[in-house]
Amino acid sequence: MAQVTCGVDHACPQTEDEGGNVGVRLTKELMAVAGEALKVNVTTLGPLVLPISEQVIFILNLILRKVRVDAVLLDASLRKHTSP
């Protein structure tokens, strides 16, 4: 069994209102924290539940995205340094 936890104390702190009722307050950071938690969970649990064929597709997709991002950044950097 694998368990992954992400700290969300700053994204939804427990507070008490004026009436003394205890609840949680949701901040704007919640979506970013939730997205990061989802990414970590899929990355951690994927190899445990996905068939090998799906794992290969995932890894190839990850590599291609990384290469494309690097190529775009390199192209932008080259254009910046070669522009008149």
PDB file of N, CA and C in Angstrom:
ATOM      1  N   MET A   1       0.841  -1.176   0.000  1.00  0.00           N
ATOM      2  CA  MET A   1       0.000   0.000   0.000  1.00  0.00           C
ATOM      3  C   MET A   1       0.885   1.237   0.000  1.00  0.00           C
ATOM      4  N   ALA A   2       0.532   2.207  -0.818  1.00  0.00           N
ATOM      5  CA  ALA A   2       1.271   3.462  -0.875  1.00  0.00           C
ATOM      6  C   ALA A   2       0.356   4.585  -0.427  1.00  0.00           C
ATOM      7  N   GLN A   3       0.903   5.491   0.340  1.00  0.00           N
ATOM      8  CA  GLN A   3       0.126   6.636   0.787  1.00  0.00           C
ATOM      9  C   GLN A   3       0.950   7.881   0.559  1.00  0.00           C
ATOM     10  N   VAL A   4       0.329   8.843  -0.092  1.00  0.00           N
ATOM     11  CA  VAL A   4       0.994  10.105  -0.383  1.00  0.00           C
ATOM     12  C   VAL A   4       0.167  11.209   0.253  1.00  0.00           C
ATOM     13  N   THR A   5       0.813  12.082   1.001  1.00  0.00           N
ATOM     14  CA  THR A   5       0.101  13.204   1.593  1.00  0.00           C
ATOM     15  C   THR A   5       0.782  14.499   1.199  1.00  0.00           C
ATOM     16  N   CYS A   6      -0.023  15.511   0.987  1.00  0.00           N
ATOM     17  CA  CYS A   6       0.494  16.847   0.684  1.00  0.00           C
ATOM     18  C   CYS A   6      -0.074  17.789   1.730  1.00  0.00           C
ATOM     19  N   GLY A   7       0.755  18.622   2.291  1.00  0.00           N
ATOM     20  CA  GLY A   7       0.294  19.552   3.307  1.00  0.00           C
ATOM     21  C   GLY A   7      -0.608  20.613   2.720  1.00  0.00           C
ATOM     22  N   VAL A   8      -1.810  20.703   3.220  1.00  0.00           N
ATOM     23  CA  VAL A   8      -2.743  21.718   2.751  1.00  0.00           C
ATOM     24  C   VAL A   8      -3.162  22.650   3.886  1.00  0.00           C
ATOM     25  N   ASP A   9      -2.376  22.667   4.928  1.00  0.00           N
ATOM     26  CA  ASP A   9      -2.735  23.499   6.075  1.00  0.00           C
ATOM     27  C   ASP A   9      -2.860  24.968   5.693  1.00  0.00           C
ATOM     28  N   HIS A  10      -2.015  25.424   4.778  1.00  0.00           N
ATOM     29  CA  HIS A  10      -2.054  26.836   4.381  1.00  0.00           C
ATOM     30  C   HIS A  10      -3.144  27.104   3.353  1.00  0.00           C
ATOM     31  N   ALA A  11      -3.648  26.072   2.657  1.00  0.00           N
ATOM     32  CA  ALA A  11      -4.654  26.255   1.623  1.00  0.00           C
ATOM     33  C   ALA A  11      -6.077  26.162   2.175  1.00  0.00           C
ATOM     34  N   CYS A  12      -6.261  25.443   3.279  1.00  0.00           N
ATOM     35  CA  CYS A  12      -7.584  25.357   3.897  1.00  0.00           C
ATOM     36  C   CYS A  12      -7.430  25.214   5.414  1.00  0.00           C
ATOM     37  N   PRO A  13      -7.065  26.311   6.059  1.00  0.00           N
ATOM     38  CA  PRO A  13      -6.870  26.256   7.510  1.00  0.00           C
ATOM     39  C   PRO A  13      -8.199  26.143   8.261  1.00  0.00           C
ATOM     40  N   GLN A  14      -8.144  25.475   9.391  1.00  0.00           N
ATOM     41  CA  GLN A  14      -9.323  25.359  10.236  1.00  0.00           C
ATOM     42  C   GLN A  14      -9.428  26.626  11.072  1.00  0.00           C
ATOM     43  N   THR A  15     -10.606  27.247  11.052  1.00  0.00           N
ATOM     44  CA  THR A  15     -10.805  28.497  11.790  1.00  0.00           C
ATOM     45  C   THR A  15     -12.142  28.456  12.525  1.00  0.00           C
ATOM     46  N   GLU A  16     -12.287  29.418  13.407  1.00  0.00           N
ATOM     47  CA  GLU A  16     -13.535  29.564  14.153  1.00  0.00           C
ATOM     48  C   GLU A  16     -14.141  30.912  13.789  1.00  0.00           C
ATOM     49  N   ASP A  17     -15.450  30.930  13.494  1.00  0.00           N
ATOM     50  CA  ASP A  17     -16.083  32.197  13.135  1.00  0.00           C
ATOM     51  C   ASP A  17     -16.560  32.942  14.379  1.00  0.00           C
ATOM     52  N   GLU A  18     -17.236  34.081  14.140  1.00  0.00           N
ATOM     53  CA  GLU A  18     -17.690  34.934  15.258  1.00  0.00           C
ATOM     54  C   GLU A  18     -18.679  34.209  16.173  1.00  0.00           C
ATOM     55  N   GLY A  19     -19.432  33.266  15.604  1.00  0.00           N
ATOM     56  CA  GLY A  19     -20.426  32.525  16.387  1.00  0.00           C
ATOM     57  C   GLY A  19     -19.850  31.332  17.129  1.00  0.00           C
ATOM     58  N   GLY A  20     -18.557  31.100  16.996  1.00  0.00           N
ATOM     59  CA  GLY A  20     -17.915  29.989  17.678  1.00  0.00           C
ATOM     60  C   GLY A  20     -17.977  28.675  16.908  1.00  0.00           C
ATOM     61  N   ASN A  21     -18.467  28.732  15.674  1.00  0.00           N
ATOM     62  CA  ASN A  21     -18.528  27.524  14.845  1.00  0.00           C
ATOM     63  C   ASN A  21     -17.171  27.275  14.193  1.00  0.00           C
ATOM     64  N   VAL A  22     -16.715  26.034  14.299  1.00  0.00           N
ATOM     65  CA  VAL A  22     -15.424  25.668  13.721  1.00  0.00           C
ATOM     66  C   VAL A  22     -15.654  25.152  12.299  1.00  0.00           C
ATOM     67  N   GLY A  23     -14.820  25.605  11.389  1.00  0.00           N
ATOM     68  CA  GLY A  23     -14.909  25.166  10.000  1.00  0.00           C
ATOM     69  C   GLY A  23     -13.585  25.382   9.303  1.00  0.00           C
ATOM     70  N   VAL A  24     -13.577  25.246   8.007  1.00  0.00           N
ATOM     71  CA  VAL A  24     -12.357  25.478   7.238  1.00  0.00           C
ATOM     72  C   VAL A  24     -12.562  26.665   6.318  1.00  0.00           C
ATOM     73  N   ARG A  25     -11.484  27.374   6.063  1.00  0.00           N
ATOM     74  CA  ARG A  25     -11.488  28.511   5.152  1.00  0.00           C
ATOM     75  C   ARG A  25     -10.668  28.102   3.935  1.00  0.00           C
ATOM     76  N   LEU A  26     -11.266  28.231   2.750  1.00  0.00           N
ATOM     77  CA  LEU A  26     -10.574  27.850   1.528  1.00  0.00           C
ATOM     78  C   LEU A  26      -9.883  29.076   0.935  1.00  0.00           C
ATOM     79  N   THR A  27      -8.611  28.931   0.607  1.00  0.00           N
ATOM     80  CA  THR A  27      -7.856  30.035   0.035  1.00  0.00           C
ATOM     81  C   THR A  27      -7.656  29.810  -1.459  1.00  0.00           C
ATOM     82  N   LYS A  28      -7.110  30.815  -2.120  1.00  0.00           N
ATOM     83  CA  LYS A  28      -6.853  30.734  -3.554  1.00  0.00           C
ATOM     84  C   LYS A  28      -5.791  29.696  -3.887  1.00  0.00           C
ATOM     85  N   GLU A  29      -4.982  29.299  -2.928  1.00  0.00           N
ATOM     86  CA  GLU A  29      -3.917  28.328  -3.147  1.00  0.00           C
ATOM     87  C   GLU A  29      -4.442  26.894  -3.259  1.00  0.00           C
ATOM     88  N   LEU A  30      -5.697  26.675  -2.937  1.00  0.00           N
ATOM     89  CA  LEU A  30      -6.243  25.321  -2.887  1.00  0.00           C
ATOM     90  C   LEU A  30      -6.124  24.595  -4.224  1.00  0.00           C
ATOM     91  N   MET A  31      -6.432  25.258  -5.330  1.00  0.00           N
ATOM     92  CA  MET A  31      -6.368  24.598  -6.638  1.00  0.00           C
ATOM     93  C   MET A  31      -4.938  24.200  -6.990  1.00  0.00           C
ATOM     94  N   ALA A  32      -3.967  25.054  -6.683  1.00  0.00           N
ATOM     95  CA  ALA A  32      -2.571  24.715  -6.967  1.00  0.00           C
ATOM     96  C   ALA A  32      -2.117  23.533  -6.116  1.00  0.00           C
ATOM     97  N   VAL A  33      -2.498  23.523  -4.856  1.00  0.00           N
ATOM     98  CA  VAL A  33      -2.132  22.426  -3.955  1.00  0.00           C
ATOM     99  C   VAL A  33      -2.813  21.133  -4.402  1.00  0.00           C
ATOM    100  N   ALA A  34      -4.076  21.223  -4.799  1.00  0.00           N
ATOM    101  CA  ALA A  34      -4.800  20.034  -5.262  1.00  0.00           C
ATOM    102  C   ALA A  34      -4.177  19.485  -6.545  1.00  0.00           C
ATOM    103  N   GLY A  35      -3.803  20.369  -7.462  1.00  0.00           N
ATOM    104  CA  GLY A  35      -3.158  19.927  -8.700  1.00  0.00           C
ATOM    105  C   GLY A  35      -1.841  19.237  -8.442  1.00  0.00           C
ATOM    106  N   GLU A  36      -1.061  19.781  -7.537  1.00  0.00           N
ATOM    107  CA  GLU A  36       0.225  19.171  -7.189  1.00  0.00           C
ATOM    108  C   GLU A  36       0.012  17.813  -6.516  1.00  0.00           C
ATOM    109  N   ALA A  37      -0.992  17.725  -5.645  1.00  0.00           N
ATOM    110  CA  ALA A  37      -1.292  16.452  -4.972  1.00  0.00           C
ATOM    111  C   ALA A  37      -1.726  15.406  -5.985  1.00  0.00           C
ATOM    112  N   LEU A  38      -2.536  15.808  -6.956  1.00  0.00           N
ATOM    113  CA  LEU A  38      -2.974  14.868  -7.988  1.00  0.00           C
ATOM    114  C   LEU A  38      -1.794  14.371  -8.809  1.00  0.00           C
ATOM    115  N   LYS A  39      -0.891  15.279  -9.171  1.00  0.00           N
ATOM    116  CA  LYS A  39       0.283  14.895  -9.951  1.00  0.00           C
ATOM    117  C   LYS A  39       1.154  13.908  -9.171  1.00  0.00           C
ATOM    118  N   VAL A  40       1.378  14.193  -7.902  1.00  0.00           N
ATOM    119  CA  VAL A  40       2.194  13.307  -7.067  1.00  0.00           C
ATOM    120  C   VAL A  40       1.526  11.945  -6.912  1.00  0.00           C
ATOM    121  N   ASN A  41       0.213  11.941  -6.696  1.00  0.00           N
ATOM    122  CA  ASN A  41      -0.500  10.671  -6.515  1.00  0.00           C
ATOM    123  C   ASN A  41      -0.477   9.822  -7.783  1.00  0.00           C
ATOM    124  N   VAL A  42      -0.698  10.440  -8.932  1.00  0.00           N
ATOM    125  CA  VAL A  42      -0.690   9.687 -10.188  1.00  0.00           C
ATOM    126  C   VAL A  42       0.708   9.148 -10.458  1.00  0.00           C
ATOM    127  N   THR A  43       1.732   9.970 -10.217  1.00  0.00           N
ATOM    128  CA  THR A  43       3.104   9.534 -10.445  1.00  0.00           C
ATOM    129  C   THR A  43       3.488   8.400  -9.501  1.00  0.00           C
ATOM    130  N   THR A  44       3.036   8.469  -8.264  1.00  0.00           N
ATOM    131  CA  THR A  44       3.375   7.450  -7.279  1.00  0.00           C
ATOM    132  C   THR A  44       2.572   6.174  -7.462  1.00  0.00           C
ATOM    133  N   LEU A  45       1.274   6.316  -7.700  1.00  0.00           N
ATOM    134  CA  LEU A  45       0.404   5.146  -7.759  1.00  0.00           C
ATOM    135  C   LEU A  45       0.310   4.539  -9.153  1.00  0.00           C
ATOM    136  N   GLY A  46       0.631   5.304 -10.194  1.00  0.00           N
ATOM    137  CA  GLY A  46       0.536   4.815 -11.566  1.00  0.00           C
ATOM    138  C   GLY A  46       1.260   3.505 -11.796  1.00  0.00           C
ATOM    139  N   PRO A  47       2.529   3.400 -11.417  1.00  0.00           N
ATOM    140  CA  PRO A  47       3.243   2.138 -11.638  1.00  0.00           C
ATOM    141  C   PRO A  47       2.634   0.945 -10.899  1.00  0.00           C
ATOM    142  N   LEU A  48       1.894   1.207  -9.847  1.00  0.00           N
ATOM    143  CA  LEU A  48       1.300   0.108  -9.073  1.00  0.00           C
ATOM    144  C   LEU A  48       0.009  -0.414  -9.693  1.00  0.00           C
ATOM    145  N   VAL A  49      -0.681   0.427 -10.468  1.00  0.00           N
ATOM    146  CA  VAL A  49      -1.996   0.025 -10.979  1.00  0.00           C
ATOM    147  C   VAL A  49      -2.079  -0.045 -12.496  1.00  0.00           C
ATOM    148  N   LEU A  50      -1.179   0.635 -13.213  1.00  0.00           N
ATOM    149  CA  LEU A  50      -1.248   0.635 -14.674  1.00  0.00           C
ATOM    150  C   LEU A  50      -0.516  -0.549 -15.274  1.00  0.00           C
ATOM    151  N   PRO A  51      -1.045  -1.098 -16.374  1.00  0.00           N
ATOM    152  CA  PRO A  51      -0.316  -2.154 -17.071  1.00  0.00           C
ATOM    153  C   PRO A  51       0.972  -1.600 -17.682  1.00  0.00           C
ATOM    154  N   ILE A  52       1.908  -2.475 -17.978  1.00  0.00           N
ATOM    155  CA  ILE A  52       3.205  -2.062 -18.522  1.00  0.00           C
ATOM    156  C   ILE A  52       3.032  -1.238 -19.789  1.00  0.00           C
ATOM    157  N   SER A  53       2.111  -1.624 -20.663  1.00  0.00           N
ATOM    158  CA  SER A  53       1.920  -0.885 -21.920  1.00  0.00           C
ATOM    159  C   SER A  53       1.549   0.571 -21.646  1.00  0.00           C
ATOM    160  N   GLU A  54       0.684   0.823 -20.662  1.00  0.00           N
ATOM    161  CA  GLU A  54       0.298   2.192 -20.319  1.00  0.00           C
ATOM    162  C   GLU A  54       1.454   2.945 -19.668  1.00  0.00           C
ATOM    163  N   GLN A  55       2.277   2.258 -18.893  1.00  0.00           N
ATOM    164  CA  GLN A  55       3.438   2.896 -18.275  1.00  0.00           C
ATOM    165  C   GLN A  55       4.424   3.358 -19.347  1.00  0.00           C
ATOM    166  N   VAL A  56       4.622   2.539 -20.382  1.00  0.00           N
ATOM    167  CA  VAL A  56       5.526   2.904 -21.473  1.00  0.00           C
ATOM    168  C   VAL A  56       4.999   4.133 -22.200  1.00  0.00           C
ATOM    169  N   ILE A  57       3.705   4.159 -22.481  1.00  0.00           N
ATOM    170  CA  ILE A  57       3.104   5.322 -23.144  1.00  0.00           C
ATOM    171  C   ILE A  57       3.278   6.568 -22.282  1.00  0.00           C
ATOM    172  N   PHE A  58       3.061   6.442 -20.984  1.00  0.00           N
ATOM    173  CA  PHE A  58       3.211   7.578 -20.071  1.00  0.00           C
ATOM    174  C   PHE A  58       4.643   8.110 -20.093  1.00  0.00           C
ATOM    175  N   ILE A  59       5.611   7.220 -20.012  1.00  0.00           N
ATOM    176  CA  ILE A  59       7.016   7.640 -19.986  1.00  0.00           C
ATOM    177  C   ILE A  59       7.414   8.287 -21.309  1.00  0.00           C
ATOM    178  N   LEU A  60       6.998   7.702 -22.434  1.00  0.00           N
ATOM    179  CA  LEU A  60       7.315   8.297 -23.733  1.00  0.00           C
ATOM    180  C   LEU A  60       6.684   9.684 -23.877  1.00  0.00           C
ATOM    181  N   ASN A  61       5.447   9.815 -23.425  1.00  0.00           N
ATOM    182  CA  ASN A  61       4.774  11.105 -23.467  1.00  0.00           C
ATOM    183  C   ASN A  61       5.506  12.128 -22.600  1.00  0.00           C
ATOM    184  N   LEU A  62       5.935  11.718 -21.431  1.00  0.00           N
ATOM    185  CA  LEU A  62       6.672  12.591 -20.527  1.00  0.00           C
ATOM    186  C   LEU A  62       7.981  13.067 -21.162  1.00  0.00           C
ATOM    187  N   ILE A  63       8.695  12.151 -21.803  1.00  0.00           N
ATOM    188  CA  ILE A  63       9.967  12.493 -22.450  1.00  0.00           C
ATOM    189  C   ILE A  63       9.723  13.451 -23.615  1.00  0.00           C
ATOM    190  N   LEU A  64       8.709  13.161 -24.433  1.00  0.00           N
ATOM    191  CA  LEU A  64       8.420  14.030 -25.581  1.00  0.00           C
ATOM    192  C   LEU A  64       8.024  15.431 -25.137  1.00  0.00           C
ATOM    193  N   ARG A  65       7.229  15.526 -24.074  1.00  0.00           N
ATOM    194  CA  ARG A  65       6.852  16.857 -23.575  1.00  0.00           C
ATOM    195  C   ARG A  65       8.076  17.607 -23.075  1.00  0.00           C
ATOM    196  N   LYS A  66       8.970  16.924 -22.391  1.00  0.00           N
ATOM    197  CA  LYS A  66      10.182  17.559 -21.873  1.00  0.00           C
ATOM    198  C   LYS A  66      11.062  18.040 -23.016  1.00  0.00           C
ATOM    199  N   VAL A  67      11.223  17.220 -24.056  1.00  0.00           N
ATOM    200  CA  VAL A  67      12.054  17.593 -25.203  1.00  0.00           C
ATOM    201  C   VAL A  67      11.443  18.786 -25.929  1.00  0.00           C
ATOM    202  N   ARG A  68      10.128  18.775 -26.118  1.00  0.00           N
ATOM    203  CA  ARG A  68       9.464  19.895 -26.794  1.00  0.00           C
ATOM    204  C   ARG A  68       9.605  21.182 -26.008  1.00  0.00           C
ATOM    205  N   VAL A  69       9.428  21.123 -24.704  1.00  0.00           N
ATOM    206  CA  VAL A  69       9.559  22.320 -23.873  1.00  0.00           C
ATOM    207  C   VAL A  69      10.988  22.852 -23.961  1.00  0.00           C
ATOM    208  N   ASP A  70      11.971  21.959 -23.861  1.00  0.00           N
ATOM    209  CA  ASP A  70      13.360  22.381 -23.971  1.00  0.00           C
ATOM    210  C   ASP A  70      13.641  22.966 -25.341  1.00  0.00           C
ATOM    211  N   ALA A  71      13.079  22.376 -26.394  1.00  0.00           N
ATOM    212  CA  ALA A  71      13.292  22.879 -27.747  1.00  0.00           C
ATOM    213  C   ALA A  71      12.664  24.256 -27.907  1.00  0.00           C
ATOM    214  N   VAL A  72      11.491  24.458 -27.358  1.00  0.00           N
ATOM    215  CA  VAL A  72      10.833  25.768 -27.445  1.00  0.00           C
ATOM    216  C   VAL A  72      11.638  26.804 -26.681  1.00  0.00           C
ATOM    217  N   LEU A  73      12.107  26.465 -25.490  1.00  0.00           N
ATOM    218  CA  LEU A  73      12.905  27.405 -24.707  1.00  0.00           C
ATOM    219  C   LEU A  73      14.227  27.726 -25.405  1.00  0.00           C
ATOM    220  N   LEU A  74      14.861  26.723 -25.998  1.00  0.00           N
ATOM    221  CA  LEU A  74      16.113  26.927 -26.708  1.00  0.00           C
ATOM    222  C   LEU A  74      15.880  27.808 -27.922  1.00  0.00           C
ATOM    223  N   ASP A  75      14.807  27.554 -28.672  1.00  0.00           N
ATOM    224  CA  ASP A  75      14.489  28.352 -29.853  1.00  0.00           C
ATOM    225  C   ASP A  75      14.242  29.809 -29.454  1.00  0.00           C
ATOM    226  N   ALA A  76      13.496  30.028 -28.388  1.00  0.00           N
ATOM    227  CA  ALA A  76      13.224  31.388 -27.926  1.00  0.00           C
ATOM    228  C   ALA A  76      14.503  32.073 -27.475  1.00  0.00           C
ATOM    229  N   SER A  77      15.373  31.321 -26.817  1.00  0.00           N
ATOM    230  CA  SER A  77      16.642  31.876 -26.360  1.00  0.00           C
ATOM    231  C   SER A  77      17.530  32.246 -27.543  1.00  0.00           C
ATOM    232  N   LEU A  78      17.563  31.393 -28.555  1.00  0.00           N
ATOM    233  CA  LEU A  78      18.376  31.683 -29.737  1.00  0.00           C
ATOM    234  C   LEU A  78      17.850  32.904 -30.480  1.00  0.00           C
ATOM    235  N   ARG A  79      16.539  33.014 -30.615  1.00  0.00           N
ATOM    236  CA  ARG A  79      15.970  34.177 -31.300  1.00  0.00           C
ATOM    237  C   ARG A  79      16.265  35.446 -30.541  1.00  0.00           C
ATOM    238  N   LYS A  80      16.253  35.377 -29.235  1.00  0.00           N
ATOM    239  CA  LYS A  80      16.521  36.561 -28.418  1.00  0.00           C
ATOM    240  C   LYS A  80      17.963  37.040 -28.625  1.00  0.00           C
ATOM    241  N   HIS A  81      18.916  36.111 -28.715  1.00  0.00           N
ATOM    242  CA  HIS A  81      20.325  36.476 -28.843  1.00  0.00           C
ATOM    243  C   HIS A  81      20.741  36.801 -30.262  1.00  0.00           C
ATOM    244  N   THR A  82      19.965  36.369 -31.262  1.00  0.00           N
ATOM    245  CA  THR A  82      20.342  36.631 -32.646  1.00  0.00           C
ATOM    246  C   THR A  82      19.548  37.760 -33.272  1.00  0.00           C
ATOM    247  N   SER A  83      18.595  38.326 -32.558  1.00  0.00           N
ATOM    248  CA  SER A  83      17.809  39.412 -33.129  1.00  0.00           C
ATOM    249  C   SER A  83      18.654  40.680 -33.189  1.00  0.00           C
ATOM    250  N   PRO A  84      18.425  41.507 -34.258  1.00  0.00           N
ATOM    251  CA  PRO A  84      19.238  42.736 -34.430  1.00  0.00           C
ATOM    252  C   PRO A  84      18.977  43.799 -33.415  1.00  0.00           C
TER     253      PRO A  84
END
